[in-house]
Protein backbone atom coordinates (compact mmCIF):
# COMPACT_ATOMS: atom_id res chain seq x y z
CA MET A 1 109.84 94.74 146.84
CA SER A 2 106.68 92.79 145.22
CA LEU A 3 104.60 94.84 143.00
CA ASP A 4 101.65 92.72 143.15
CA TRP A 5 99.57 95.65 144.66
CA LEU A 6 99.87 97.88 141.71
CA PRO A 7 96.50 97.56 139.82
CA ARG A 8 97.09 95.68 135.99
CA GLU A 9 95.04 95.08 133.53
CA HIS A 10 95.50 91.60 131.55
CA GLU A 11 93.32 91.60 128.50
CA LEU A 12 94.89 92.71 125.60
CA LYS A 13 93.35 96.02 123.86
CA ASN A 14 92.66 95.72 120.06
CA HIS A 15 94.74 98.19 118.55
CA ASP A 16 93.29 97.48 114.88
CA LEU A 17 91.76 100.22 112.80
CA TRP A 18 90.53 98.04 110.20
CA GLY A 19 87.96 95.35 110.03
CA ASP A 20 87.64 92.48 107.80
CA GLU A 21 85.75 93.60 105.22
CA PHE A 22 88.43 94.05 102.63
CA PHE A 23 89.37 90.37 102.78
CA GLY A 24 87.42 87.33 101.14
CA THR A 25 87.71 84.40 98.84
CA ASP A 26 85.95 85.46 95.92
CA THR A 27 88.01 86.99 93.13
CA PRO A 28 89.51 89.45 92.90
CA SER A 29 90.14 89.62 96.38
CA VAL A 30 92.68 89.43 99.19
CA MET A 31 93.06 86.32 101.83
CA TYR A 32 94.26 87.19 105.12
CA GLU A 33 95.27 83.84 107.01
CA LYS A 34 97.34 83.00 110.14
CA ARG A 35 99.41 79.93 109.71
CA ALA A 36 101.10 77.88 112.39
CA ILE A 37 104.95 78.18 111.71
CA PRO A 38 106.17 74.54 111.66
CA ASN A 39 109.51 73.60 113.31
CA PRO A 40 111.77 71.93 110.92
CA LYS A 41 112.55 69.02 113.31
CA GLY A 42 108.60 68.55 113.72
CA GLY A 43 105.92 70.24 115.61
CA GLN A 44 105.28 73.70 115.84
CA ALA A 45 105.23 77.10 118.40
CA ASP A 46 101.68 76.59 119.90
CA GLY A 47 100.27 80.26 119.64
CA LEU A 48 102.84 81.51 117.03
CA TYR A 49 101.67 82.46 113.42
CA ALA A 50 102.93 83.89 110.21
CA ALA A 51 100.49 86.10 108.81
CA TRP A 52 100.08 84.97 105.02
CA ILE A 53 98.66 87.87 102.77
CA THR A 54 97.29 86.31 99.30
CA LEU A 55 96.52 88.04 96.29
CA ASN A 56 93.38 86.38 94.98
CA ASN A 57 93.04 87.34 91.03
CA PRO A 58 94.45 84.62 89.07
CA ALA A 59 92.67 84.90 86.19
CA GLN A 60 94.35 88.62 85.71
CA PHE A 61 97.88 87.20 86.77
CA ASN A 62 97.16 88.47 90.52
CA SER A 63 96.77 92.23 89.35
CA TYR A 64 95.70 94.02 92.33
CA THR A 65 92.03 96.31 91.86
CA THR A 66 91.57 99.34 94.40
CA LYS A 67 89.81 97.19 96.94
CA MET A 68 92.89 94.58 96.74
CA VAL A 69 95.26 97.55 97.63
CA LYS A 70 93.02 98.25 100.87
CA GLY A 71 92.94 94.42 101.52
CA VAL A 72 96.78 94.69 101.66
CA ILE A 73 97.09 97.39 103.57
CA ALA A 74 94.63 96.22 106.34
CA GLY A 75 96.43 92.86 106.45
CA LEU A 76 99.68 94.59 107.05
CA PHE A 77 98.25 96.78 109.68
CA LYS A 78 96.47 93.97 111.17
CA ALA A 79 99.75 91.49 111.55
CA SER A 80 101.29 94.56 112.88
CA VAL A 81 99.35 94.97 115.91
CA ASP A 82 98.97 90.92 116.58
CA HIS A 83 101.66 89.97 118.89
CA ARG A 84 100.98 86.37 118.22
CA VAL A 85 102.45 87.24 114.31
CA VAL A 86 105.82 86.69 113.94
CA ALA A 87 106.31 87.59 110.24
CA VAL A 88 104.00 88.43 107.43
CA VAL A 89 104.38 86.06 103.71
CA ILE A 90 102.99 88.06 100.31
CA THR A 91 102.20 85.68 98.03
CA GLY A 92 99.73 85.19 94.84
CA VAL A 93 96.86 82.50 94.06
CA GLY A 94 98.04 79.85 91.92
CA ASP A 95 101.66 78.94 90.07
CA LYS A 96 101.57 81.53 86.92
CA ALA A 97 101.95 85.09 88.83
CA PHE A 98 102.97 86.53 92.04
CA CYS A 99 101.59 89.91 90.88
CA THR A 100 101.59 91.55 87.45
CA GLY A 101 100.62 94.94 89.10
CA GLY A 102 97.71 97.30 88.80
CA ASN A 103 94.72 95.67 87.50
CA THR A 104 94.79 97.16 83.96
CA LYS A 105 91.22 96.77 83.00
CA GLU A 106 90.44 99.19 85.85
CA TYR A 107 92.89 101.72 84.96
CA ALA A 108 91.75 101.43 81.50
CA GLU A 109 88.15 101.37 81.86
CA TYR A 110 87.59 103.72 85.17
CA TYR A 111 90.87 105.66 86.13
CA SER A 112 92.22 106.70 82.51
CA LYS A 113 90.98 110.18 81.85
CA ARG A 114 90.02 110.66 85.61
CA PRO A 115 93.30 111.99 87.04
CA ALA A 116 91.48 113.46 90.19
CA GLU A 117 90.47 109.68 90.79
CA TYR A 118 93.68 108.18 89.98
CA GLY A 119 95.10 110.58 92.46
CA LEU A 120 93.06 109.37 94.97
CA TYR A 121 94.21 105.90 94.03
CA MET A 122 97.89 106.57 94.23
CA ASP A 123 97.40 107.74 97.78
CA LEU A 124 96.38 104.13 98.60
CA PHE A 125 99.06 102.39 96.40
CA ASN A 126 101.62 104.59 98.21
CA ALA A 127 100.05 103.79 101.52
CA MET A 128 100.27 100.00 100.44
CA ILE A 129 104.35 100.45 100.18
CA ASP A 130 104.20 102.28 103.12
CA ALA A 131 102.60 99.54 105.03
CA ILE A 132 105.33 97.12 104.14
CA LEU A 133 108.20 99.43 104.85
CA ASN A 134 106.36 100.44 108.08
CA CYS A 135 105.09 96.95 109.19
CA LYS A 136 106.08 95.84 112.75
CA LYS A 137 107.13 92.70 111.51
CA PRO A 138 109.67 91.27 108.87
CA VAL A 139 107.89 90.89 105.31
CA LEU A 140 108.88 87.94 102.96
CA ALA A 141 107.65 87.87 99.45
CA ARG A 142 106.97 84.38 98.24
CA VAL A 143 107.19 84.64 94.54
CA ASN A 144 104.96 82.02 92.94
CA GLY A 145 105.26 83.36 89.69
CA MET A 146 105.77 86.68 87.64
CA ARG A 147 106.54 89.61 89.57
CA VAL A 148 106.17 92.56 86.97
CA ALA A 149 105.25 96.60 87.09
CA GLY A 150 103.38 97.10 90.71
CA GLY A 151 104.30 93.32 91.67
CA GLN A 152 108.13 94.22 91.28
CA GLU A 153 107.58 97.31 93.42
CA ILE A 154 105.56 95.55 96.26
CA GLY A 155 108.40 92.51 95.95
CA THR A 156 111.06 95.07 96.37
CA ALA A 157 109.67 96.78 99.35
CA CYS A 158 109.36 93.37 101.23
CA ASP A 159 112.34 92.44 103.35
CA LEU A 160 113.22 89.25 101.68
CA SER A 161 112.18 87.36 98.65
CA ILE A 162 112.17 83.47 97.94
CA ALA A 163 111.03 82.51 94.62
CA SER A 164 110.08 79.83 92.25
CA ASP A 165 112.57 79.06 89.58
CA LEU A 166 109.72 79.70 86.84
CA ALA A 167 109.41 83.51 88.15
CA VAL A 168 110.46 86.35 86.01
CA PHE A 169 110.94 89.76 87.01
CA GLY A 170 110.75 93.24 85.52
CA GLN A 171 109.00 96.63 84.63
CA ALA A 172 106.41 97.40 82.31
CA GLY A 173 105.57 101.26 82.46
CA PRO A 174 107.40 102.89 79.57
CA ARG A 175 105.97 100.10 77.46
CA HIS A 176 102.37 100.53 78.86
CA GLY A 177 102.01 103.93 79.30
CA SER A 178 103.51 104.37 82.93
CA ALA A 179 106.88 104.90 85.10
CA PRO A 180 108.11 102.49 87.45
CA VAL A 181 107.65 105.37 90.33
CA GLY A 182 106.02 102.99 92.82
CA GLY A 183 109.24 102.30 94.60
CA ALA A 184 111.16 100.56 91.63
CA THR A 185 113.19 103.53 91.00
CA ASP A 186 114.06 104.21 94.81
CA PHE A 187 114.68 100.37 95.28
CA LEU A 188 116.49 98.86 92.47
CA PRO A 189 119.49 101.33 92.64
CA TRP A 190 120.39 99.70 95.76
CA MET A 191 119.27 96.12 95.22
CA LEU A 192 120.87 95.91 91.47
CA GLY A 193 123.61 98.74 91.06
CA LEU A 194 122.64 101.77 88.96
CA GLU A 195 122.98 100.88 85.56
CA ASP A 196 121.21 97.53 85.84
CA ALA A 197 118.66 99.31 87.73
CA MET A 198 118.19 101.63 84.96
CA TRP A 199 118.07 99.04 82.19
CA SER A 200 115.38 97.29 84.28
CA CYS A 201 113.16 100.53 84.49
CA ILE A 202 113.23 101.49 81.31
CA SER A 203 113.86 98.36 79.08
CA CYS A 204 110.74 96.62 80.27
CA GLU A 205 113.09 93.41 79.82
CA LEU A 206 111.73 90.28 81.93
CA TRP A 207 114.84 88.48 83.94
CA SER A 208 114.89 85.10 85.23
CA ALA A 209 114.69 84.52 89.16
CA TYR A 210 118.33 82.84 88.69
CA LYS A 211 119.69 85.91 87.28
CA MET A 212 117.94 87.88 90.05
CA LYS A 213 119.73 85.78 92.51
CA MET A 214 123.02 85.87 90.67
CA LYS A 215 122.64 89.84 91.12
CA GLY A 216 121.98 89.76 94.83
CA MET A 217 118.08 91.13 94.11
CA ILE A 218 116.71 88.07 95.97
CA SER A 219 117.32 85.35 98.43
CA LYS A 220 117.29 81.83 97.45
CA VAL A 221 115.44 80.05 94.42
CA VAL A 222 114.15 76.95 94.23
CA PRO A 223 112.60 74.38 91.31
CA VAL A 224 109.03 73.94 91.70
CA ILE A 225 108.58 71.20 88.61
CA LYS A 226 108.85 67.94 89.73
CA HIS A 227 109.12 64.97 87.07
CA ASP A 228 109.13 61.33 87.54
CA GLY A 229 110.04 61.98 91.38
CA LYS A 230 112.91 64.35 90.61
CA TRP A 231 113.11 68.03 91.04
CA VAL A 232 113.60 69.58 87.53
CA ARG A 233 114.91 73.08 87.03
CA ASN A 234 113.46 75.67 84.80
CA PRO A 235 114.17 74.19 81.05
CA LEU A 236 113.81 77.70 79.45
CA ILE A 237 117.04 79.09 81.79
CA VAL A 238 120.82 78.74 81.34
CA THR A 239 121.88 77.73 85.08
CA ASP A 240 125.14 76.24 84.01
CA LYS A 241 127.87 79.09 84.77
CA TYR A 242 129.70 79.40 81.39
CA VAL A 243 131.10 82.36 79.36
CA ASP A 244 129.88 83.58 75.73
CA ASP A 245 131.58 86.21 74.19
CA GLY A 246 133.06 87.44 77.47
CA GLU A 247 129.84 87.68 79.46
CA ILE A 248 128.29 85.14 81.79
CA VAL A 249 124.98 84.18 80.79
CA TYR A 250 123.97 82.09 83.90
CA GLY A 251 120.38 82.79 84.26
CA GLU A 252 119.93 84.36 80.87
CA PHE A 253 116.70 82.90 78.77
CA LYS A 254 117.71 79.70 76.24
CA THR A 255 117.15 80.52 72.64
CA GLY A 256 116.57 78.08 69.55
CA ALA A 257 116.19 74.67 69.85
CA ASP A 258 116.67 74.42 73.61
CA ALA A 259 114.33 76.89 74.00
CA SER A 260 111.33 75.11 72.09
CA ALA A 261 112.28 71.59 73.70
CA GLY A 262 111.86 73.45 77.04
CA ARG A 263 108.41 75.34 76.02
CA GLU A 264 107.08 71.85 75.10
CA PHE A 265 108.26 70.60 78.46
CA LEU A 266 106.56 72.69 80.19
CA LYS A 267 102.83 72.24 78.58
CA THR A 268 102.68 69.03 80.03
CA ALA A 269 105.01 69.75 83.25
CA LYS A 270 103.33 69.64 86.93
CA THR A 271 104.37 72.28 89.33
CA ASP A 272 105.02 71.56 93.12
CA PHE A 273 105.65 74.24 95.72
CA GLU A 274 106.86 72.03 98.37
CA LEU A 275 110.57 73.23 98.52
CA LEU A 276 109.16 76.78 98.09
CA ASP A 277 107.16 76.73 100.83
CA LYS A 278 109.84 74.32 103.13
CA ALA A 279 112.39 77.52 102.12
CA VAL A 280 109.62 80.11 103.73
CA ASN A 281 109.12 77.93 106.69
CA GLU A 282 113.04 77.47 107.24
CA ILE A 283 113.11 81.76 107.13
CA LEU A 284 109.90 81.97 109.36
CA TRP A 285 111.46 79.77 112.09
CA THR A 286 114.48 81.58 112.10
CA PHE A 287 112.54 84.75 113.12
CA ALA A 288 110.56 83.08 115.52
CA ASN A 289 113.77 82.48 117.47
CA LEU A 290 114.83 85.71 117.85
CA PHE A 291 114.23 88.12 120.15
CA PRO A 292 110.92 90.14 118.45
CA ASN A 293 111.99 93.74 119.40
CA CYS A 294 115.71 93.13 118.42
CA LEU A 295 114.51 91.45 115.34
CA GLN A 296 111.93 94.76 114.49
CA MET A 297 115.17 96.78 114.95
CA SER A 298 117.31 95.38 112.95
CA VAL A 299 114.72 95.33 109.92
CA ASP A 300 113.95 98.74 110.39
CA SER A 301 117.36 99.71 110.26
CA VAL A 302 118.01 98.21 107.16
CA ARG A 303 114.53 99.32 105.70
CA GLN A 304 115.53 103.10 106.55
CA LYS A 305 117.94 103.27 103.32
CA LYS A 306 114.98 102.23 100.76
CA LYS A 307 112.64 104.73 102.83
CA PHE A 308 114.73 107.70 102.48
CA PHE A 309 114.58 107.99 98.97
CA TRP A 310 110.86 106.64 98.85
CA ASP A 311 109.70 109.20 101.08
CA GLN A 312 111.45 112.35 99.22
CA SER A 313 109.86 111.42 96.05
CA LYS A 314 106.55 109.34 96.45
CA GLY A 315 104.29 112.55 96.52
CA ALA A 316 105.50 113.94 93.53
CA TYR A 317 105.25 110.74 91.86
CA ARG A 318 101.50 110.71 92.64
CA HIS A 319 100.69 113.98 90.80
CA TRP A 320 102.59 112.89 88.08
CA LEU A 321 101.16 109.60 87.46
CA ALA A 322 97.62 111.09 88.04
CA ALA A 323 98.22 113.82 85.51
CA ASN A 324 99.54 111.26 82.82
CA MET A 325 95.89 109.25 82.91
CA ASN A 326 95.07 112.05 80.63
CA ALA A 327 97.88 111.16 78.01
CA GLU A 328 100.11 108.27 77.60
CA ALA A 329 98.35 106.34 80.23
CA PHE A 330 94.99 106.24 78.48
CA ILE A 331 96.99 105.04 75.26
CA GLY A 332 98.96 102.76 76.77
CA PHE A 333 96.39 101.13 79.22
CA ASN A 334 93.39 101.00 76.90
CA ALA A 335 96.26 99.26 74.07
CA PHE A 336 96.61 96.65 76.78
CA ASN A 337 93.30 96.22 77.79
CA THR A 338 91.82 95.90 74.31
CA ARG A 339 94.46 93.17 72.91
CA LYS A 340 91.70 90.57 72.71
CA GLN A 341 89.84 92.79 70.15
CA THR A 342 93.21 93.87 68.39
CA GLY A 343 95.76 91.31 68.65
CA GLN A 344 98.24 94.07 69.94
CA ASP A 345 99.06 95.15 73.49
CA VAL A 346 101.02 98.16 72.77
CA ALA A 347 100.59 101.38 71.17
CA ASP A 348 102.29 102.43 67.47
CA PHE A 349 104.93 104.23 69.24
CA ILE A 350 106.71 105.55 66.01
CA LYS A 351 103.32 107.16 65.02
CA TYR A 352 102.78 108.60 68.41
CA ARG A 353 106.37 110.04 68.34
CA GLN A 354 105.89 111.29 65.06
CA MET A 355 102.76 113.05 65.74
CA VAL A 356 104.33 114.68 68.98
CA ALA A 357 107.12 115.93 67.30
CA GLN A 358 104.76 117.39 64.61
CA GLY A 359 103.11 119.76 67.61
CA ALA A 360 100.09 117.27 67.66
CA GLU A 361 97.42 117.69 70.29
CA MET A 362 96.79 115.28 73.00
CA ASP A 363 93.32 114.59 72.02
CA ASP A 364 91.14 111.86 70.56
CA GLU A 365 92.19 112.42 67.26
CA LEU A 366 95.72 111.47 68.29
CA PHE A 367 94.50 108.63 70.47
CA GLU A 368 93.05 106.96 67.36
CA ALA A 369 95.73 107.40 65.24
CA VAL A 370 97.83 105.41 67.48
CA LEU A 371 95.95 102.91 69.44
CA PRO A 372 95.75 99.51 67.78
CA LYS A 373 92.55 98.81 65.33
CA PRO A 374 90.30 95.99 66.04
CA LYS A 375 90.75 92.80 63.90
């Protein structure tokens, strides 16, 4: 029996809660763009796209401002409700940084000593991580450079990561006045193993893309330097597997003369993201050739493991981070923000610990004693 007699509406409804006011091409901003997904054999699937959410603040290594956080949320929601969008790609402008976390200038000059305001900001940050984990499309991190601090947390919330081999990964909180509780402490134990996760969170040590791939944290690493028509791997990283004093050093940073030679080469080397974009597009084409509902169910099922611990703790994180804006965050963010005037980007940790051990109050006298002084 035909169902043609049933009344049907054919115009799709707009389910988007956000407009385009949080997107732009000025800096700092978030750019939202729908790009066709190329077929590796040529051509493309008409009417199907990847939504590219690009952090556009290269002068500050794509650190995100409050407005940019709103832009990422808006972009993920817009992609979620658009049937033409197959998947989301999050990336940054330029070849230096994917994202280095929250904008330290904004933190130091506005949010420090304003815990209530920072609490509201953290509500937005938590909503950004939630937007990645709840997006109704797979989310791919195109890691074009440094993925540090909150940038690392955005990346680990994503479903897959493809990285430039110039990228470095790590946390910065305990060194600069915060803690990596924007997702890293919840996600990294799943991705690295408990002790590697612990060391990454507390040491603020930067690890190479090759080391991340070796440890299973990212999906693929590709070279982005093209020299005399040939692809050249990052000259600062050991990319041959060998054992040194019983430890595999593959993916570690070179030292001594090898490191000096590598740094000299990089001063004039030109980057080319052809292979990175090719790898991203291959994954997008794979997504396009899957049943969308079955794909999303599979993605959501894997995400649940990350979401479980994140959902248990994100509320408490918000309150601690807000309160900390009156204490160590004030010191750490202001030390980093004034580094051009002082020549240092961190506080005097030893002096700070000594004063705390002596029962000093957390006041301006303590702050003045431990913050770097102008040159």
